[in-house]
Amino acid sequence: GSRFLTLRILFGGIEMKFLHTPGHSPGGMCIYIPKENTLFSGDTLFQNSIGRTDFPGCSFNDLAKAIHEKLWTLPDETQVFPGHMGPTSIGYEKGHNPFV
């Protein structure tokens, strides 16, 4: 099976998609709420940056692959709320993030 899995949970009428985005850590996750077009990216994607990959168990290749396969497929107008720094959007990061 794929190492890049997605889990869907319905909670109080709100659908949340938990996207496995390893790289910064083997168990890295982002939470996407389609109805709100919102992504909580944790330490996967930041404004003009990405999570560190220089720790044991980290992988730049896995992180880049997860971002391309999971996050870049979201609508460009998706608002991104990272674990650090200010909010951004998928479309902005596709055009401006120098790391991916």
N, C-alpha and C. Protein backbone atom coordinates (compact mmCIF):
# COMPACT_ATOMS: atom_id res chain seq x y z
N GLY A 1 0.80 -1.19 0.00
CA GLY A 1 0.00 0.00 0.00
C GLY A 1 0.84 1.25 0.00
N SER A 2 0.20 2.35 -0.27
CA SER A 2 0.88 3.64 -0.31
C SER A 2 1.23 4.10 1.08
N ARG A 3 2.37 4.76 1.19
CA ARG A 3 2.77 5.36 2.47
C ARG A 3 2.07 6.69 2.68
N PHE A 4 1.38 7.20 1.66
CA PHE A 4 0.75 8.50 1.73
C PHE A 4 -0.77 8.30 1.78
N LEU A 5 -1.28 8.01 2.96
CA LEU A 5 -2.68 7.67 3.16
C LEU A 5 -3.49 8.90 3.56
N THR A 6 -4.80 8.81 3.36
CA THR A 6 -5.73 9.85 3.79
C THR A 6 -6.83 9.19 4.61
N LEU A 7 -7.15 9.78 5.74
CA LEU A 7 -8.22 9.30 6.61
C LEU A 7 -9.28 10.38 6.67
N ARG A 8 -10.55 9.99 6.51
CA ARG A 8 -11.65 10.95 6.60
C ARG A 8 -12.44 10.69 7.86
N ILE A 9 -12.75 11.77 8.56
CA ILE A 9 -13.54 11.69 9.78
C ILE A 9 -14.64 12.73 9.70
N LEU A 10 -15.86 12.33 10.06
CA LEU A 10 -16.99 13.26 10.13
C LEU A 10 -17.25 13.52 11.61
N PHE A 11 -17.16 14.79 12.02
CA PHE A 11 -17.31 15.15 13.42
C PHE A 11 -18.24 16.35 13.51
N GLY A 12 -19.40 16.16 14.11
CA GLY A 12 -20.35 17.26 14.25
C GLY A 12 -20.76 17.87 12.92
N GLY A 13 -20.86 17.04 11.87
CA GLY A 13 -21.24 17.53 10.56
C GLY A 13 -20.11 18.14 9.76
N ILE A 14 -18.90 18.14 10.31
CA ILE A 14 -17.73 18.69 9.60
C ILE A 14 -16.83 17.54 9.17
N GLU A 15 -16.57 17.49 7.87
CA GLU A 15 -15.66 16.48 7.35
C GLU A 15 -14.23 16.98 7.46
N MET A 16 -13.37 16.16 8.04
CA MET A 16 -11.95 16.46 8.14
C MET A 16 -11.18 15.35 7.44
N LYS A 17 -10.23 15.73 6.62
CA LYS A 17 -9.36 14.76 5.97
C LYS A 17 -7.98 14.87 6.59
N PHE A 18 -7.52 13.77 7.13
CA PHE A 18 -6.20 13.72 7.74
C PHE A 18 -5.24 13.17 6.70
N LEU A 19 -4.33 14.01 6.25
CA LEU A 19 -3.41 13.67 5.17
C LEU A 19 -2.05 13.30 5.76
N HIS A 20 -1.61 12.09 5.50
CA HIS A 20 -0.29 11.66 5.95
C HIS A 20 0.76 12.35 5.09
N THR A 21 1.57 13.20 5.72
CA THR A 21 2.58 13.97 5.00
C THR A 21 3.94 13.80 5.69
N PRO A 22 4.52 12.62 5.57
CA PRO A 22 5.81 12.38 6.23
C PRO A 22 6.92 13.21 5.59
N GLY A 23 7.99 13.35 6.32
CA GLY A 23 9.14 14.09 5.83
C GLY A 23 9.78 14.86 6.97
N HIS A 24 9.01 15.78 7.57
CA HIS A 24 9.50 16.48 8.77
C HIS A 24 9.58 15.46 9.91
N SER A 25 8.63 14.56 9.93
CA SER A 25 8.64 13.42 10.85
C SER A 25 7.94 12.28 10.12
N PRO A 26 8.26 11.03 10.49
CA PRO A 26 7.64 9.90 9.78
C PRO A 26 6.11 9.89 9.86
N GLY A 27 5.54 10.42 10.95
CA GLY A 27 4.10 10.41 11.13
C GLY A 27 3.44 11.75 10.86
N GLY A 28 4.10 12.63 10.11
CA GLY A 28 3.57 13.96 9.84
C GLY A 28 2.17 13.92 9.25
N MET A 29 1.32 14.85 9.69
CA MET A 29 -0.07 14.92 9.24
C MET A 29 -0.47 16.36 8.99
N CYS A 30 -1.37 16.54 8.04
CA CYS A 30 -2.07 17.80 7.82
C CYS A 30 -3.56 17.51 7.92
N ILE A 31 -4.33 18.50 8.32
CA ILE A 31 -5.78 18.34 8.42
C ILE A 31 -6.43 19.30 7.44
N TYR A 32 -7.21 18.74 6.52
CA TYR A 32 -7.92 19.53 5.51
C TYR A 32 -9.41 19.48 5.79
N ILE A 33 -10.05 20.64 5.82
CA ILE A 33 -11.49 20.74 6.01
C ILE A 33 -12.08 21.28 4.71
N PRO A 34 -12.59 20.38 3.85
CA PRO A 34 -13.06 20.79 2.52
C PRO A 34 -14.13 21.89 2.55
N LYS A 35 -15.11 21.77 3.44
CA LYS A 35 -16.21 22.73 3.48
C LYS A 35 -15.70 24.15 3.76
N GLU A 36 -14.65 24.26 4.52
CA GLU A 36 -14.07 25.56 4.86
C GLU A 36 -12.89 25.92 3.96
N ASN A 37 -12.50 24.97 3.10
CA ASN A 37 -11.35 25.16 2.22
C ASN A 37 -10.13 25.62 3.01
N THR A 38 -9.87 24.88 4.10
CA THR A 38 -8.84 25.22 5.06
C THR A 38 -7.94 24.02 5.32
N LEU A 39 -6.65 24.29 5.39
CA LEU A 39 -5.66 23.27 5.69
C LEU A 39 -4.85 23.69 6.89
N PHE A 40 -4.77 22.83 7.88
CA PHE A 40 -3.85 23.01 9.00
C PHE A 40 -2.64 22.16 8.68
N SER A 41 -1.54 22.83 8.33
CA SER A 41 -0.38 22.12 7.78
C SER A 41 0.68 21.73 8.80
N GLY A 42 0.50 22.10 10.05
CA GLY A 42 1.48 21.71 11.07
C GLY A 42 2.88 22.13 10.67
N ASP A 43 3.81 21.17 10.69
CA ASP A 43 5.20 21.44 10.32
C ASP A 43 5.54 20.93 8.93
N THR A 44 4.52 20.70 8.09
CA THR A 44 4.76 20.24 6.72
C THR A 44 5.05 21.42 5.80
N LEU A 45 4.18 22.42 5.80
CA LEU A 45 4.27 23.54 4.88
C LEU A 45 4.10 24.84 5.65
N PHE A 46 5.03 25.77 5.41
CA PHE A 46 4.97 27.10 6.00
C PHE A 46 4.89 28.13 4.88
N GLN A 47 4.69 29.38 5.25
CA GLN A 47 4.72 30.46 4.28
C GLN A 47 6.16 30.58 3.77
N ASN A 48 6.35 30.29 2.46
CA ASN A 48 7.66 30.34 1.81
C ASN A 48 8.68 29.37 2.39
N SER A 49 8.23 28.31 3.03
CA SER A 49 9.16 27.37 3.63
C SER A 49 8.49 26.01 3.83
N ILE A 50 9.25 25.08 4.35
CA ILE A 50 8.75 23.74 4.68
C ILE A 50 9.37 23.32 6.02
N GLY A 51 8.90 22.20 6.55
CA GLY A 51 9.44 21.69 7.80
C GLY A 51 10.89 21.22 7.63
N ARG A 52 11.62 21.26 8.72
CA ARG A 52 13.02 20.81 8.69
C ARG A 52 13.08 19.32 8.40
N THR A 53 14.13 18.93 7.73
CA THR A 53 14.32 17.51 7.41
C THR A 53 15.71 17.03 7.81
N ASP A 54 16.34 17.70 8.75
CA ASP A 54 17.69 17.33 9.17
C ASP A 54 17.73 16.57 10.49
N PHE A 55 16.60 16.10 10.97
CA PHE A 55 16.53 15.30 12.18
C PHE A 55 16.52 13.82 11.82
N PRO A 56 16.88 12.93 12.75
CA PRO A 56 16.78 11.49 12.47
C PRO A 56 15.35 11.10 12.10
N GLY A 57 15.18 10.29 11.08
CA GLY A 57 13.86 9.85 10.63
C GLY A 57 13.20 10.79 9.65
N CYS A 58 13.80 11.95 9.40
CA CYS A 58 13.25 12.93 8.45
C CYS A 58 13.74 12.61 7.04
N SER A 59 13.00 13.12 6.05
CA SER A 59 13.39 12.92 4.66
C SER A 59 12.86 14.06 3.80
N PHE A 60 13.78 14.81 3.18
CA PHE A 60 13.35 15.87 2.27
C PHE A 60 12.56 15.28 1.11
N ASN A 61 13.02 14.15 0.56
CA ASN A 61 12.32 13.54 -0.58
C ASN A 61 10.89 13.15 -0.22
N ASP A 62 10.70 12.56 0.97
CA ASP A 62 9.34 12.20 1.41
C ASP A 62 8.48 13.45 1.59
N LEU A 63 9.07 14.50 2.17
CA LEU A 63 8.30 15.72 2.40
C LEU A 63 7.89 16.36 1.08
N ALA A 64 8.82 16.48 0.15
CA ALA A 64 8.50 17.06 -1.16
C ALA A 64 7.44 16.24 -1.88
N LYS A 65 7.57 14.91 -1.82
CA LYS A 65 6.59 14.04 -2.47
C LYS A 65 5.20 14.21 -1.84
N ALA A 66 5.14 14.26 -0.52
CA ALA A 66 3.85 14.43 0.16
C ALA A 66 3.22 15.77 -0.20
N ILE A 67 4.02 16.83 -0.25
CA ILE A 67 3.48 18.14 -0.61
C ILE A 67 2.94 18.12 -2.03
N HIS A 68 3.70 17.55 -2.95
CA HIS A 68 3.25 17.50 -4.35
C HIS A 68 2.02 16.61 -4.53
N GLU A 69 1.99 15.45 -3.87
CA GLU A 69 0.90 14.50 -4.07
C GLU A 69 -0.35 14.82 -3.26
N LYS A 70 -0.19 15.44 -2.10
CA LYS A 70 -1.33 15.68 -1.22
C LYS A 70 -1.78 17.14 -1.20
N LEU A 71 -0.83 18.07 -1.07
CA LEU A 71 -1.21 19.46 -0.86
C LEU A 71 -1.41 20.22 -2.16
N TRP A 72 -0.56 19.99 -3.14
CA TRP A 72 -0.69 20.72 -4.41
C TRP A 72 -1.93 20.28 -5.19
N THR A 73 -2.59 19.22 -4.79
CA THR A 73 -3.83 18.79 -5.45
C THR A 73 -5.05 19.52 -4.87
N LEU A 74 -4.86 20.25 -3.77
CA LEU A 74 -5.96 21.02 -3.18
C LEU A 74 -6.19 22.28 -4.01
N PRO A 75 -7.39 22.87 -3.91
CA PRO A 75 -7.65 24.10 -4.66
C PRO A 75 -6.66 25.22 -4.29
N ASP A 76 -6.27 26.01 -5.28
CA ASP A 76 -5.31 27.08 -5.05
C ASP A 76 -5.76 28.06 -3.96
N GLU A 77 -7.06 28.27 -3.84
CA GLU A 77 -7.56 29.23 -2.85
C GLU A 77 -7.62 28.66 -1.44
N THR A 78 -7.21 27.41 -1.24
CA THR A 78 -7.19 26.80 0.09
C THR A 78 -6.32 27.62 1.03
N GLN A 79 -6.90 28.06 2.13
CA GLN A 79 -6.15 28.80 3.15
C GLN A 79 -5.33 27.81 3.98
N VAL A 80 -4.07 28.15 4.20
CA VAL A 80 -3.15 27.27 4.93
C VAL A 80 -2.76 27.94 6.23
N PHE A 81 -2.95 27.20 7.32
CA PHE A 81 -2.57 27.67 8.65
C PHE A 81 -1.48 26.75 9.18
N PRO A 82 -0.21 27.19 9.08
CA PRO A 82 0.91 26.36 9.51
C PRO A 82 1.10 26.37 11.02
N GLY A 83 1.94 25.47 11.48
CA GLY A 83 2.28 25.41 12.90
C GLY A 83 3.17 26.57 13.34
N HIS A 84 3.82 27.23 12.40
CA HIS A 84 4.69 28.37 12.66
C HIS A 84 4.48 29.39 11.55
N MET A 85 4.77 30.63 11.81
CA MET A 85 4.65 31.73 10.86
C MET A 85 3.18 32.02 10.55
N GLY A 86 2.96 32.93 9.61
CA GLY A 86 1.60 33.36 9.30
C GLY A 86 0.90 32.48 8.29
N PRO A 87 -0.40 32.74 8.09
CA PRO A 87 -1.18 31.96 7.13
C PRO A 87 -0.75 32.26 5.69
N THR A 88 -1.11 31.37 4.80
CA THR A 88 -0.79 31.49 3.39
C THR A 88 -1.88 30.77 2.61
N SER A 89 -1.64 30.47 1.36
CA SER A 89 -2.60 29.69 0.56
C SER A 89 -1.83 28.70 -0.31
N ILE A 90 -2.53 27.68 -0.75
CA ILE A 90 -1.91 26.69 -1.62
C ILE A 90 -1.41 27.34 -2.90
N GLY A 91 -2.23 28.17 -3.52
CA GLY A 91 -1.84 28.83 -4.76
C GLY A 91 -0.61 29.68 -4.60
N TYR A 92 -0.54 30.43 -3.51
CA TYR A 92 0.65 31.27 -3.26
C TYR A 92 1.89 30.41 -3.13
N GLU A 93 1.78 29.36 -2.35
CA GLU A 93 2.95 28.50 -2.12
C GLU A 93 3.40 27.78 -3.39
N LYS A 94 2.45 27.37 -4.22
CA LYS A 94 2.82 26.74 -5.49
C LYS A 94 3.69 27.66 -6.32
N GLY A 95 3.41 28.94 -6.29
CA GLY A 95 4.14 29.90 -7.11
C GLY A 95 5.35 30.53 -6.46
N HIS A 96 5.45 30.45 -5.13
CA HIS A 96 6.50 31.20 -4.44
C HIS A 96 7.38 30.40 -3.49
N ASN A 97 6.99 29.20 -3.11
CA ASN A 97 7.78 28.45 -2.14
C ASN A 97 9.06 27.93 -2.81
N PRO A 98 10.24 28.39 -2.38
CA PRO A 98 11.47 27.99 -3.05
C PRO A 98 11.92 26.56 -2.75
N PHE A 99 11.28 25.89 -1.79
CA PHE A 99 11.73 24.57 -1.38
C PHE A 99 11.09 23.43 -2.13
N VAL A 100 9.92 23.68 -2.74
CA VAL A 100 9.23 22.59 -3.45
C VAL A 100 8.80 23.03 -4.82
